[in-house]
Amino acid sequence: MLYNSFEFILVFLPAALLLYFGAAAVSRGLANAVLCALSLAFYAWWDWRNLFVLAGSILVNFVVGALIKRHSSKPILVLGIALNLGVLAYLLKANNAPAGLDSLRPDTTVLRGRKIAVRLP
């Protein structure tokens, strides 16, 4: 689902706003939980397998945040940023890596025409 699609503008967005503000009338914590669930539902709409990447990223960031809160360590912060950038670089560039390697060594036939199957969220 794209942000400019009719299903987002006419169905998902109004339903999300109603659910969020309805939950906010009850409690702020409930509103945050509803917003997180709606965010996961939005990403799962395109392909439910993306939830595994997203859940892994959320879990790693939660652990890194808890470690930073406990130890107040700059290396832990740098590690967390590096992990996030590493995942982003892998997801954005993995499909283009074989073509890039082929351009470096045009005589190689191992990677020519093959792509790594990474589904982008």
PDB file of N, CA and C in Angstrom:
ATOM      1  N   MET A   1       0.854  -1.162   0.000  1.00  0.00           N
ATOM      2  CA  MET A   1       0.000   0.000   0.000  1.00  0.00           C
ATOM      3  C   MET A   1       0.907   1.234   0.000  1.00  0.00           C
ATOM      4  N   LEU A   2       0.642   2.123  -0.883  1.00  0.00           N
ATOM      5  CA  LEU A   2       1.399   3.360  -0.980  1.00  0.00           C
ATOM      6  C   LEU A   2       0.645   4.485  -0.270  1.00  0.00           C
ATOM      7  N   TYR A   3       1.396   5.510   0.115  1.00  0.00           N
ATOM      8  CA  TYR A   3       0.768   6.635   0.803  1.00  0.00           C
ATOM      9  C   TYR A   3      -0.222   7.392  -0.076  1.00  0.00           C
ATOM     10  N   ASN A   4      -0.016   7.352  -1.379  1.00  0.00           N
ATOM     11  CA  ASN A   4      -0.917   8.078  -2.272  1.00  0.00           C
ATOM     12  C   ASN A   4      -1.974   7.180  -2.908  1.00  0.00           C
ATOM     13  N   SER A   5      -2.130   5.957  -2.411  1.00  0.00           N
ATOM     14  CA  SER A   5      -3.150   5.063  -2.957  1.00  0.00           C
ATOM     15  C   SER A   5      -4.510   5.341  -2.308  1.00  0.00           C
ATOM     16  N   PHE A   6      -5.553   4.994  -3.037  1.00  0.00           N
ATOM     17  CA  PHE A   6      -6.911   5.203  -2.509  1.00  0.00           C
ATOM     18  C   PHE A   6      -7.169   4.355  -1.276  1.00  0.00           C
ATOM     19  N   GLU A   7      -6.618   3.140  -1.245  1.00  0.00           N
ATOM     20  CA  GLU A   7      -6.851   2.276  -0.081  1.00  0.00           C
ATOM     21  C   GLU A   7      -6.202   2.865   1.178  1.00  0.00           C
ATOM     22  N   PHE A   8      -5.081   3.564   1.025  1.00  0.00           N
ATOM     23  CA  PHE A   8      -4.479   4.204   2.192  1.00  0.00           C
ATOM     24  C   PHE A   8      -5.275   5.435   2.612  1.00  0.00           C
ATOM     25  N   ILE A   9      -5.567   6.310   1.645  1.00  0.00           N
ATOM     26  CA  ILE A   9      -6.213   7.593   1.956  1.00  0.00           C
ATOM     27  C   ILE A   9      -7.660   7.416   2.415  1.00  0.00           C
ATOM     28  N   LEU A  10      -8.388   6.494   1.781  1.00  0.00           N
ATOM     29  CA  LEU A  10      -9.815   6.358   2.076  1.00  0.00           C
ATOM     30  C   LEU A  10     -10.149   5.287   3.103  1.00  0.00           C
ATOM     31  N   VAL A  11      -9.236   4.327   3.342  1.00  0.00           N
ATOM     32  CA  VAL A  11      -9.547   3.238   4.264  1.00  0.00           C
ATOM     33  C   VAL A  11      -8.594   3.238   5.468  1.00  0.00           C
ATOM     34  N   PHE A  12      -7.303   3.050   5.188  1.00  0.00           N
ATOM     35  CA  PHE A  12      -6.358   2.850   6.280  1.00  0.00           C
ATOM     36  C   PHE A  12      -6.183   4.101   7.147  1.00  0.00           C
ATOM     37  N   LEU A  13      -5.952   5.238   6.532  1.00  0.00           N
ATOM     38  CA  LEU A  13      -5.713   6.465   7.294  1.00  0.00           C
ATOM     39  C   LEU A  13      -6.903   6.864   8.172  1.00  0.00           C
ATOM     40  N   PRO A  14      -8.139   6.910   7.643  1.00  0.00           N
ATOM     41  CA  PRO A  14      -9.265   7.246   8.531  1.00  0.00           C
ATOM     42  C   PRO A  14      -9.458   6.233   9.660  1.00  0.00           C
ATOM     43  N   ALA A  15      -9.306   4.941   9.344  1.00  0.00           N
ATOM     44  CA  ALA A  15      -9.444   3.926  10.390  1.00  0.00           C
ATOM     45  C   ALA A  15      -8.345   4.072  11.436  1.00  0.00           C
ATOM     46  N   ALA A  16      -7.122   4.350  10.985  1.00  0.00           N
ATOM     47  CA  ALA A  16      -6.006   4.522  11.914  1.00  0.00           C
ATOM     48  C   ALA A  16      -6.213   5.736  12.808  1.00  0.00           C
ATOM     49  N   LEU A  17      -6.682   6.831  12.235  1.00  0.00           N
ATOM     50  CA  LEU A  17      -6.933   8.028  13.041  1.00  0.00           C
ATOM     51  C   LEU A  17      -8.028   7.799  14.072  1.00  0.00           C
ATOM     52  N   LEU A  18      -9.110   7.135  13.660  1.00  0.00           N
ATOM     53  CA  LEU A  18     -10.188   6.830  14.608  1.00  0.00           C
ATOM     54  C   LEU A  18      -9.706   5.936  15.739  1.00  0.00           C
ATOM     55  N   LEU A  19      -8.961   4.890  15.382  1.00  0.00           N
ATOM     56  CA  LEU A  19      -8.455   3.983  16.417  1.00  0.00           C
ATOM     57  C   LEU A  19      -7.476   4.687  17.347  1.00  0.00           C
ATOM     58  N   TYR A  20      -6.589   5.482  16.782  1.00  0.00           N
ATOM     59  CA  TYR A  20      -5.590   6.159  17.604  1.00  0.00           C
ATOM     60  C   TYR A  20      -6.231   7.153  18.573  1.00  0.00           C
ATOM     61  N   PHE A  21      -7.094   8.034  18.053  1.00  0.00           N
ATOM     62  CA  PHE A  21      -7.688   9.046  18.932  1.00  0.00           C
ATOM     63  C   PHE A  21      -8.704   8.430  19.894  1.00  0.00           C
ATOM     64  N   GLY A  22      -9.338   7.329  19.489  1.00  0.00           N
ATOM     65  CA  GLY A  22     -10.204   6.618  20.422  1.00  0.00           C
ATOM     66  C   GLY A  22      -9.405   6.008  21.563  1.00  0.00           C
ATOM     67  N   ALA A  23      -8.251   5.450  21.234  1.00  0.00           N
ATOM     68  CA  ALA A  23      -7.396   4.876  22.274  1.00  0.00           C
ATOM     69  C   ALA A  23      -6.768   5.974  23.129  1.00  0.00           C
ATOM     70  N   ALA A  24      -6.462   7.123  22.521  1.00  0.00           N
ATOM     71  CA  ALA A  24      -5.861   8.227  23.275  1.00  0.00           C
ATOM     72  C   ALA A  24      -6.829   8.777  24.313  1.00  0.00           C
ATOM     73  N   ALA A  25      -8.131   8.658  24.055  1.00  0.00           N
ATOM     74  CA  ALA A  25      -9.122   9.105  25.030  1.00  0.00           C
ATOM     75  C   ALA A  25      -9.097   8.225  26.274  1.00  0.00           C
ATOM     76  N   VAL A  26      -8.656   6.974  26.103  1.00  0.00           N
ATOM     77  CA  VAL A  26      -8.590   6.052  27.240  1.00  0.00           C
ATOM     78  C   VAL A  26      -7.279   6.236  27.991  1.00  0.00           C
ATOM     79  N   SER A  27      -6.164   6.098  27.281  1.00  0.00           N
ATOM     80  CA  SER A  27      -4.858   6.298  27.921  1.00  0.00           C
ATOM     81  C   SER A  27      -3.789   6.510  26.854  1.00  0.00           C
ATOM     82  N   ARG A  28      -2.738   7.175  27.265  1.00  0.00           N
ATOM     83  CA  ARG A  28      -1.644   7.455  26.339  1.00  0.00           C
ATOM     84  C   ARG A  28      -0.888   6.178  25.968  1.00  0.00           C
ATOM     85  N   GLY A  29      -0.718   5.288  26.922  1.00  0.00           N
ATOM     86  CA  GLY A  29      -0.036   4.017  26.663  1.00  0.00           C
ATOM     87  C   GLY A  29      -0.789   3.168  25.656  1.00  0.00           C
ATOM     88  N   LEU A  30      -2.105   3.140  25.782  1.00  0.00           N
ATOM     89  CA  LEU A  30      -2.921   2.396  24.828  1.00  0.00           C
ATOM     90  C   LEU A  30      -2.820   3.015  23.440  1.00  0.00           C
ATOM     91  N   ALA A  31      -2.805   4.331  23.369  1.00  0.00           N
ATOM     92  CA  ALA A  31      -2.679   5.008  22.079  1.00  0.00           C
ATOM     93  C   ALA A  31      -1.338   4.673  21.421  1.00  0.00           C
ATOM     94  N   ASN A  32      -0.267   4.626  22.211  1.00  0.00           N
ATOM     95  CA  ASN A  32       1.035   4.259  21.663  1.00  0.00           C
ATOM     96  C   ASN A  32       1.051   2.819  21.173  1.00  0.00           C
ATOM     97  N   ALA A  33       0.419   1.919  21.914  1.00  0.00           N
ATOM     98  CA  ALA A  33       0.345   0.516  21.500  1.00  0.00           C
ATOM     99  C   ALA A  33      -0.459   0.379  20.207  1.00  0.00           C
ATOM    100  N   VAL A  34      -1.555   1.106  20.097  1.00  0.00           N
ATOM    101  CA  VAL A  34      -2.368   1.075  18.871  1.00  0.00           C
ATOM    102  C   VAL A  34      -1.569   1.610  17.694  1.00  0.00           C
ATOM    103  N   LEU A  35      -0.828   2.681  17.918  1.00  0.00           N
ATOM    104  CA  LEU A  35      -0.017   3.256  16.850  1.00  0.00           C
ATOM    105  C   LEU A  35       1.070   2.286  16.394  1.00  0.00           C
ATOM    106  N   CYS A  36       1.696   1.590  17.318  1.00  0.00           N
ATOM    107  CA  CYS A  36       2.701   0.574  16.953  1.00  0.00           C
ATOM    108  C   CYS A  36       2.063  -0.562  16.165  1.00  0.00           C
ATOM    109  N   ALA A  37       0.914  -1.026  16.603  1.00  0.00           N
ATOM    110  CA  ALA A  37       0.221  -2.101  15.885  1.00  0.00           C
ATOM    111  C   ALA A  37      -0.193  -1.661  14.484  1.00  0.00           C
ATOM    112  N   LEU A  38      -0.659  -0.429  14.349  1.00  0.00           N
ATOM    113  CA  LEU A  38      -1.030   0.092  13.038  1.00  0.00           C
ATOM    114  C   LEU A  38       0.187   0.221  12.121  1.00  0.00           C
ATOM    115  N   SER A  39       1.308   0.609  12.682  1.00  0.00           N
ATOM    116  CA  SER A  39       2.532   0.705  11.908  1.00  0.00           C
ATOM    117  C   SER A  39       2.959  -0.670  11.393  1.00  0.00           C
ATOM    118  N   LEU A  40       2.912  -1.666  12.252  1.00  0.00           N
ATOM    119  CA  LEU A  40       3.243  -3.026  11.827  1.00  0.00           C
ATOM    120  C   LEU A  40       2.256  -3.533  10.782  1.00  0.00           C
ATOM    121  N   ALA A  41       0.985  -3.211  10.947  1.00  0.00           N
ATOM    122  CA  ALA A  41      -0.025  -3.622   9.963  1.00  0.00           C
ATOM    123  C   ALA A  41       0.229  -2.961   8.618  1.00  0.00           C
ATOM    124  N   PHE A  42       0.654  -1.708   8.620  1.00  0.00           N
ATOM    125  CA  PHE A  42       0.951  -0.997   7.384  1.00  0.00           C
ATOM    126  C   PHE A  42       2.092  -1.677   6.632  1.00  0.00           C
ATOM    127  N   TYR A  43       3.163  -2.017   7.344  1.00  0.00           N
ATOM    128  CA  TYR A  43       4.285  -2.687   6.696  1.00  0.00           C
ATOM    129  C   TYR A  43       3.936  -4.100   6.277  1.00  0.00           C
ATOM    130  N   ALA A  44       3.098  -4.785   7.042  1.00  0.00           N
ATOM    131  CA  ALA A  44       2.711  -6.149   6.696  1.00  0.00           C
ATOM    132  C   ALA A  44       1.765  -6.192   5.510  1.00  0.00           C
ATOM    133  N   TRP A  45       1.088  -5.109   5.224  1.00  0.00           N
ATOM    134  CA  TRP A  45       0.130  -5.061   4.121  1.00  0.00           C
ATOM    135  C   TRP A  45       0.802  -5.418   2.801  1.00  0.00           C
ATOM    136  N   TRP A  46       2.015  -4.892   2.584  1.00  0.00           N
ATOM    137  CA  TRP A  46       2.717  -5.152   1.340  1.00  0.00           C
ATOM    138  C   TRP A  46       3.238  -6.578   1.303  1.00  0.00           C
ATOM    139  N   ASP A  47       3.921  -7.007   2.384  1.00  0.00           N
ATOM    140  CA  ASP A  47       4.446  -8.368   2.469  1.00  0.00           C
ATOM    141  C   ASP A  47       4.686  -8.688   3.943  1.00  0.00           C
ATOM    142  N   TRP A  48       3.979  -9.672   4.452  1.00  0.00           N
ATOM    143  CA  TRP A  48       4.039  -9.992   5.870  1.00  0.00           C
ATOM    144  C   TRP A  48       5.439 -10.442   6.292  1.00  0.00           C
ATOM    145  N   ARG A  49       6.257 -10.912   5.357  1.00  0.00           N
ATOM    146  CA  ARG A  49       7.612 -11.361   5.706  1.00  0.00           C
ATOM    147  C   ARG A  49       8.505 -10.201   6.138  1.00  0.00           C
ATOM    148  N   ASN A  50       8.124  -8.973   5.791  1.00  0.00           N
ATOM    149  CA  ASN A  50       8.892  -7.805   6.230  1.00  0.00           C
ATOM    150  C   ASN A  50       8.828  -7.622   7.741  1.00  0.00           C
ATOM    151  N   LEU A  51       7.826  -8.199   8.366  1.00  0.00           N
ATOM    152  CA  LEU A  51       7.693  -8.055   9.819  1.00  0.00           C
ATOM    153  C   LEU A  51       8.859  -8.686  10.563  1.00  0.00           C
ATOM    154  N   PHE A  52       9.468  -9.722   9.982  1.00  0.00           N
ATOM    155  CA  PHE A  52      10.603 -10.355  10.642  1.00  0.00           C
ATOM    156  C   PHE A  52      11.806  -9.410  10.684  1.00  0.00           C
ATOM    157  N   VAL A  53      12.067  -8.724   9.591  1.00  0.00           N
ATOM    158  CA  VAL A  53      13.157  -7.747   9.558  1.00  0.00           C
ATOM    159  C   VAL A  53      12.852  -6.599  10.509  1.00  0.00           C
ATOM    160  N   LEU A  54      11.627  -6.114  10.464  1.00  0.00           N
ATOM    161  CA  LEU A  54      11.236  -4.993  11.318  1.00  0.00           C
ATOM    162  C   LEU A  54      11.268  -5.387  12.796  1.00  0.00           C
ATOM    163  N   ALA A  55      10.764  -6.563  13.124  1.00  0.00           N
ATOM    164  CA  ALA A  55      10.772  -7.017  14.521  1.00  0.00           C
ATOM    165  C   ALA A  55      12.198  -7.217  15.020  1.00  0.00           C
ATOM    166  N   GLY A  56      13.067  -7.749  14.183  1.00  0.00           N
ATOM    167  CA  GLY A  56      14.467  -7.900  14.563  1.00  0.00           C
ATOM    168  C   GLY A  56      15.130  -6.563  14.817  1.00  0.00           C
ATOM    169  N   SER A  57      14.847  -5.603  13.962  1.00  0.00           N
ATOM    170  CA  SER A  57      15.403  -4.262  14.130  1.00  0.00           C
ATOM    171  C   SER A  57      14.884  -3.603  15.403  1.00  0.00           C
ATOM    172  N   ILE A  58      13.605  -3.757  15.666  1.00  0.00           N
ATOM    173  CA  ILE A  58      13.011  -3.193  16.887  1.00  0.00           C
ATOM    174  C   ILE A  58      13.648  -3.824  18.125  1.00  0.00           C
ATOM    175  N   LEU A  59      13.816  -5.136  18.106  1.00  0.00           N
ATOM    176  CA  LEU A  59      14.399  -5.837  19.251  1.00  0.00           C
ATOM    177  C   LEU A  59      15.846  -5.394  19.494  1.00  0.00           C
ATOM    178  N   VAL A  60      16.644  -5.323  18.435  1.00  0.00           N
ATOM    179  CA  VAL A  60      18.039  -4.895  18.583  1.00  0.00           C
ATOM    180  C   VAL A  60      18.092  -3.464  19.108  1.00  0.00           C
ATOM    181  N   ASN A  61      17.273  -2.581  18.567  1.00  0.00           N
ATOM    182  CA  ASN A  61      17.278  -1.191  19.027  1.00  0.00           C
ATOM    183  C   ASN A  61      16.812  -1.073  20.474  1.00  0.00           C
ATOM    184  N   PHE A  62      15.862  -1.905  20.877  1.00  0.00           N
ATOM    185  CA  PHE A  62      15.410  -1.899  22.266  1.00  0.00           C
ATOM    186  C   PHE A  62      16.539  -2.326  23.201  1.00  0.00           C
ATOM    187  N   VAL A  63      17.249  -3.389  22.835  1.00  0.00           N
ATOM    188  CA  VAL A  63      18.354  -3.876  23.665  1.00  0.00           C
ATOM    189  C   VAL A  63      19.467  -2.837  23.733  1.00  0.00           C
ATOM    190  N   VAL A  64      19.809  -2.247  22.594  1.00  0.00           N
ATOM    191  CA  VAL A  64      20.849  -1.213  22.582  1.00  0.00           C
ATOM    192  C   VAL A  64      20.423  -0.019  23.444  1.00  0.00           C
ATOM    193  N   GLY A  65      19.166   0.383  23.352  1.00  0.00           N
ATOM    194  CA  GLY A  65      18.677   1.485  24.182  1.00  0.00           C
ATOM    195  C   GLY A  65      18.737   1.163  25.668  1.00  0.00           C
ATOM    196  N   ALA A  66      18.384  -0.078  26.022  1.00  0.00           N
ATOM    197  CA  ALA A  66      18.457  -0.484  27.433  1.00  0.00           C
ATOM    198  C   ALA A  66      19.901  -0.506  27.918  1.00  0.00           C
ATOM    199  N   LEU A  67      20.821  -0.949  27.066  1.00  0.00           N
ATOM    200  CA  LEU A  67      22.231  -0.951  27.453  1.00  0.00           C
ATOM    201  C   LEU A  67      22.769   0.465  27.610  1.00  0.00           C
ATOM    202  N   ILE A  68      22.357   1.356  26.727  1.00  0.00           N
ATOM    203  CA  ILE A  68      22.793   2.754  26.842  1.00  0.00           C
ATOM    204  C   ILE A  68      22.251   3.372  28.128  1.00  0.00           C
ATOM    205  N   LYS A  69      21.008   3.067  28.463  1.00  0.00           N
ATOM    206  CA  LYS A  69      20.419   3.611  29.691  1.00  0.00           C
ATOM    207  C   LYS A  69      21.150   3.090  30.930  1.00  0.00           C
ATOM    208  N   ARG A  70      21.547   1.831  30.889  1.00  0.00           N
ATOM    209  CA  ARG A  70      22.205   1.227  32.045  1.00  0.00           C
ATOM    210  C   ARG A  70      23.666   1.661  32.175  1.00  0.00           C
ATOM    211  N   HIS A  71      24.396   1.691  31.042  1.00  0.00           N
ATOM    212  CA  HIS A  71      25.839   1.931  31.107  1.00  0.00           C
ATOM    213  C   HIS A  71      26.260   3.315  30.632  1.00  0.00           C
ATOM    214  N   SER A  72      25.408   4.018  29.942  1.00  0.00           N
ATOM    215  CA  SER A  72      25.703   5.355  29.440  1.00  0.00           C
ATOM    216  C   SER A  72      27.023   5.368  28.661  1.00  0.00           C
ATOM    217  N   SER A  73      27.108   4.443  27.702  1.00  0.00           N
ATOM    218  CA  SER A  73      28.350   4.205  26.987  1.00  0.00           C
ATOM    219  C   SER A  73      28.256   4.654  25.531  1.00  0.00           C
ATOM    220  N   LYS A  74      29.228   5.447  25.114  1.00  0.00           N
ATOM    221  CA  LYS A  74      29.267   5.912  23.732  1.00  0.00           C
ATOM    222  C   LYS A  74      29.558   4.763  22.747  1.00  0.00           C
ATOM    223  N   PRO A  75      30.436   3.795  23.072  1.00  0.00           N
ATOM    224  CA  PRO A  75      30.650   2.684  22.133  1.00  0.00           C
ATOM    225  C   PRO A  75      29.380   1.867  21.858  1.00  0.00           C
ATOM    226  N   ILE A  76      28.507   1.748  22.835  1.00  0.00           N
ATOM    227  CA  ILE A  76      27.250   1.022  22.617  1.00  0.00           C
ATOM    228  C   ILE A  76      26.377   1.802  21.643  1.00  0.00           C
ATOM    229  N   LEU A  77      26.338   3.111  21.780  1.00  0.00           N
ATOM    230  CA  LEU A  77      25.594   3.947  20.840  1.00  0.00           C
ATOM    231  C   LEU A  77      26.141   3.799  19.428  1.00  0.00           C
ATOM    232  N   VAL A  78      27.463   3.835  19.291  1.00  0.00           N
ATOM    233  CA  VAL A  78      28.093   3.681  17.976  1.00  0.00           C
ATOM    234  C   VAL A  78      27.785   2.302  17.396  1.00  0.00           C
ATOM    235  N   LEU A  79      27.800   1.269  18.235  1.00  0.00           N
ATOM    236  CA  LEU A  79      27.458  -0.078  17.778  1.00  0.00           C
ATOM    237  C   LEU A  79      26.018  -0.132  17.270  1.00  0.00           C
ATOM    238  N   GLY A  80      25.098   0.486  18.003  1.00  0.00           N
ATOM    239  CA  GLY A  80      23.695   0.504  17.579  1.00  0.00           C
ATOM    240  C   GLY A  80      23.515   1.215  16.253  1.00  0.00           C
ATOM    241  N   ILE A  81      24.168   2.345  16.081  1.00  0.00           N
ATOM    242  CA  ILE A  81      24.077   3.079  14.816  1.00  0.00           C
ATOM    243  C   ILE A  81      24.688   2.255  13.690  1.00  0.00           C
ATOM    244  N   ALA A  82      25.836   1.616  13.964  1.00  0.00           N
ATOM    245  CA  ALA A  82      26.491   0.792  12.940  1.00  0.00           C
ATOM    246  C   ALA A  82      25.607  -0.388  12.528  1.00  0.00           C
ATOM    247  N   LEU A  83      24.948  -1.011  13.482  1.00  0.00           N
ATOM    248  CA  LEU A  83      24.050  -2.123  13.156  1.00  0.00           C
ATOM    249  C   LEU A  83      22.891  -1.656  12.276  1.00  0.00           C
ATOM    250  N   ASN A  84      22.296  -0.519  12.627  1.00  0.00           N
ATOM    251  CA  ASN A  84      21.195   0.006  11.817  1.00  0.00           C
ATOM    252  C   ASN A  84      21.655   0.362  10.412  1.00  0.00           C
ATOM    253  N   LEU A  85      22.798   1.011  10.289  1.00  0.00           N
ATOM    254  CA  LEU A  85      23.313   1.365   8.970  1.00  0.00           C
ATOM    255  C   LEU A  85      23.704   0.130   8.175  1.00  0.00           C
ATOM    256  N   GLY A  86      24.206  -0.887   8.857  1.00  0.00           N
ATOM    257  CA  GLY A  86      24.552  -2.139   8.180  1.00  0.00           C
ATOM    258  C   GLY A  86      23.330  -2.830   7.599  1.00  0.00           C
ATOM    259  N   VAL A  87      22.252  -2.903   8.371  1.00  0.00           N
ATOM    260  CA  VAL A  87      21.011  -3.498   7.866  1.00  0.00           C
ATOM    261  C   VAL A  87      20.469  -2.692   6.694  1.00  0.00           C
ATOM    262  N   LEU A  88      20.489  -1.377   6.817  1.00  0.00           N
ATOM    263  CA  LEU A  88      20.013  -0.513   5.739  1.00  0.00           C
ATOM    264  C   LEU A  88      20.852  -0.698   4.478  1.00  0.00           C
ATOM    265  N   ALA A  89      22.158  -0.725   4.623  1.00  0.00           N
ATOM    266  CA  ALA A  89      23.036  -0.908   3.463  1.00  0.00           C
ATOM    267  C   ALA A  89      22.795  -2.260   2.814  1.00  0.00           C
ATOM    268  N   TYR A  90      22.614  -3.304   3.623  1.00  0.00           N
ATOM    269  CA  TYR A  90      22.355  -4.628   3.060  1.00  0.00           C
ATOM    270  C   TYR A  90      21.045  -4.653   2.286  1.00  0.00           C
ATOM    271  N   LEU A  91      20.000  -4.112   2.879  1.00  0.00           N
ATOM    272  CA  LEU A  91      18.697  -4.152   2.213  1.00  0.00           C
ATOM    273  C   LEU A  91      18.669  -3.314   0.937  1.00  0.00           C
ATOM    274  N   LEU A  92      19.392  -2.216   0.926  1.00  0.00           N
ATOM    275  CA  LEU A  92      19.363  -1.340  -0.245  1.00  0.00           C
ATOM    276  C   LEU A  92      20.316  -1.786  -1.346  1.00  0.00           C
ATOM    277  N   LYS A  93      21.409  -2.415  -0.995  1.00  0.00           N
ATOM    278  CA  LYS A  93      22.447  -2.694  -1.981  1.00  0.00           C
ATOM    279  C   LYS A  93      22.648  -4.165  -2.318  1.00  0.00           C
ATOM    280  N   ALA A  94      22.049  -5.081  -1.593  1.00  0.00           N
ATOM    281  CA  ALA A  94      22.319  -6.502  -1.814  1.00  0.00           C
ATOM    282  C   ALA A  94      21.925  -6.960  -3.216  1.00  0.00           C
ATOM    283  N   ASN A  95      20.845  -6.453  -3.754  1.00  0.00           N
ATOM    284  CA  ASN A  95      20.432  -6.867  -5.092  1.00  0.00           C
ATOM    285  C   ASN A  95      21.364  -6.351  -6.174  1.00  0.00           C
ATOM    286  N   ASN A  96      22.087  -5.272  -5.914  1.00  0.00           N
ATOM    287  CA  ASN A  96      22.967  -4.705  -6.916  1.00  0.00           C
ATOM    288  C   ASN A  96      24.405  -5.160  -6.767  1.00  0.00           C
ATOM    289  N   ALA A  97      24.741  -5.883  -5.711  1.00  0.00           N
ATOM    290  CA  ALA A  97      26.124  -6.295  -5.485  1.00  0.00           C
ATOM    291  C   ALA A  97      26.669  -7.198  -6.587  1.00  0.00           C
ATOM    292  N   PRO A  98      25.952  -8.226  -7.044  1.00  0.00           N
ATOM    293  CA  PRO A  98      26.519  -9.064  -8.112  1.00  0.00           C
ATOM    294  C   PRO A  98      26.827  -8.283  -9.381  1.00  0.00           C
ATOM    295  N   ALA A  99      25.962  -7.359  -9.765  1.00  0.00           N
ATOM    296  CA  ALA A  99      26.214  -6.562 -10.966  1.00  0.00           C
ATOM    297  C   ALA A  99      27.438  -5.679 -10.762  1.00  0.00           C
ATOM    298  N   GLY A 100      27.604  -5.140  -9.575  1.00  0.00           N
ATOM    299  CA  GLY A 100      28.766  -4.316  -9.289  1.00  0.00           C
ATOM    300  C   GLY A 100      30.055  -5.119  -9.322  1.00  0.00           C
ATOM    301  N   LEU A 101      30.014  -6.354  -8.811  1.00  0.00           N
ATOM    302  CA  LEU A 101      31.204  -7.204  -8.850  1.00  0.00           C
ATOM    303  C   LEU A 101      31.533  -7.620 -10.281  1.00  0.00           C
ATOM    304  N   ASP A 102      30.520  -7.856 -11.086  1.00  0.00           N
ATOM    305  CA  ASP A 102      30.755  -8.197 -12.492  1.00  0.00           C
ATOM    306  C   ASP A 102      31.445  -7.060 -13.226  1.00  0.00           C
ATOM    307  N   SER A 103      31.112  -5.833 -12.877  1.00  0.00           N
ATOM    308  CA  SER A 103      31.738  -4.711 -13.565  1.00  0.00           C
ATOM    309  C   SER A 103      33.204  -4.570 -13.173  1.00  0.00           C
ATOM    310  N   LEU A 104      33.572  -5.069 -11.996  1.00  0.00           N
ATOM    311  CA  LEU A 104      34.973  -5.026 -11.598  1.00  0.00           C
ATOM    312  C   LEU A 104      35.798  -6.096 -12.308  1.00  0.00           C
ATOM    313  N   ARG A 105      35.201  -7.253 -12.533  1.00  0.00           N
ATOM    314  CA  ARG A 105      35.885  -8.345 -13.224  1.00  0.00           C
ATOM    315  C   ARG A 105      34.983  -8.857 -14.340  1.00  0.00           C
ATOM    316  N   PRO A 106      35.064  -8.288 -15.510  1.00  0.00           N
ATOM    317  CA  PRO A 106      34.152  -8.676 -16.580  1.00  0.00           C
ATOM    318  C   PRO A 106      34.323 -10.113 -17.054  1.00  0.00           C
ATOM    319  N   ASP A 107      35.450 -10.771 -16.734  1.00  0.00           N
ATOM    320  CA  ASP A 107      35.662 -12.137 -17.190  1.00  0.00           C
ATOM    321  C   ASP A 107      35.012 -13.174 -16.280  1.00  0.00           C
ATOM    322  N   THR A 108      34.524 -12.767 -15.138  1.00  0.00           N
ATOM    323  CA  THR A 108      33.912 -13.724 -14.227  1.00  0.00           C
ATOM    324  C   THR A 108      32.494 -14.070 -14.669  1.00  0.00           C
ATOM    325  N   THR A 109      32.130 -15.326 -14.545  1.00  0.00           N
ATOM    326  CA  THR A 109      30.783 -15.760 -14.923  1.00  0.00           C
ATOM    327  C   THR A 109      30.010 -16.298 -13.727  1.00  0.00           C
ATOM    328  N   VAL A 110      30.626 -16.319 -12.555  1.00  0.00           N
ATOM    329  CA  VAL A 110      29.972 -16.868 -11.371  1.00  0.00           C
ATOM    330  C   VAL A 110      28.783 -16.014 -10.951  1.00  0.00           C
ATOM    331  N   LEU A 111      28.944 -14.711 -10.972  1.00  0.00           N
ATOM    332  CA  LEU A 111      27.896 -13.822 -10.491  1.00  0.00           C
ATOM    333  C   LEU A 111      27.051 -13.220 -11.607  1.00  0.00           C
ATOM    334  N   ARG A 112      27.468 -13.354 -12.823  1.00  0.00           N
ATOM    335  CA  ARG A 112      26.777 -12.708 -13.941  1.00  0.00           C
ATOM    336  C   ARG A 112      25.313 -13.162 -14.029  1.00  0.00           C
ATOM    337  N   GLY A 113      24.409 -12.200 -13.985  1.00  0.00           N
ATOM    338  CA  GLY A 113      22.993 -12.497 -14.160  1.00  0.00           C
ATOM    339  C   GLY A 113      22.290 -13.006 -12.913  1.00  0.00           C
ATOM    340  N   ARG A 114      22.987 -13.168 -11.813  1.00  0.00           N
ATOM    341  CA  ARG A 114      22.350 -13.654 -10.592  1.00  0.00           C
ATOM    342  C   ARG A 114      22.096 -12.495  -9.647  1.00  0.00           C
ATOM    343  N   LYS A 115      20.986 -12.558  -8.953  1.00  0.00           N
ATOM    344  CA  LYS A 115      20.657 -11.544  -7.954  1.00  0.00           C
ATOM    345  C   LYS A 115      20.335 -12.214  -6.646  1.00  0.00           C
ATOM    346  N   ILE A 116      20.700 -11.532  -5.576  1.00  0.00           N
ATOM    347  CA  ILE A 116      20.338 -12.003  -4.244  1.00  0.00           C
ATOM    348  C   ILE A 116      18.885 -11.628  -4.011  1.00  0.00           C
ATOM    349  N   ALA A 117      18.087 -12.547  -3.536  1.00  0.00           N
ATOM    350  CA  ALA A 117      16.656 -12.307  -3.355  1.00  0.00           C
ATOM    351  C   ALA A 117      16.394 -11.615  -2.022  1.00  0.00           C
ATOM    352  N   VAL A 118      16.425 -10.302  -2.015  1.00  0.00           N
ATOM    353  CA  VAL A 118      16.126  -9.523  -0.812  1.00  0.00           C
ATOM    354  C   VAL A 118      14.867  -8.720  -1.110  1.00  0.00           C
ATOM    355  N   ARG A 119      13.850  -8.885  -0.285  1.00  0.00           N
ATOM    356  CA  ARG A 119      12.600  -8.149  -0.468  1.00  0.00           C
ATOM    357  C   ARG A 119      12.649  -6.904   0.390  1.00  0.00           C
ATOM    358  N   LEU A 120      12.595  -5.772  -0.258  1.00  0.00           N
ATOM    359  CA  LEU A 120      12.669  -4.503   0.461  1.00  0.00           C
ATOM    360  C   LEU A 120      11.315  -4.131   1.051  1.00  0.00           C
ATOM    361  N   PRO A 121      11.344  -3.591   2.268  1.00  0.00           N
ATOM    362  CA  PRO A 121      10.077  -3.142   2.858  1.00  0.00           C
ATOM    363  C   PRO A 121       9.571  -1.886   2.217  1.00  0.00           C
TER     364      PRO A 121
END
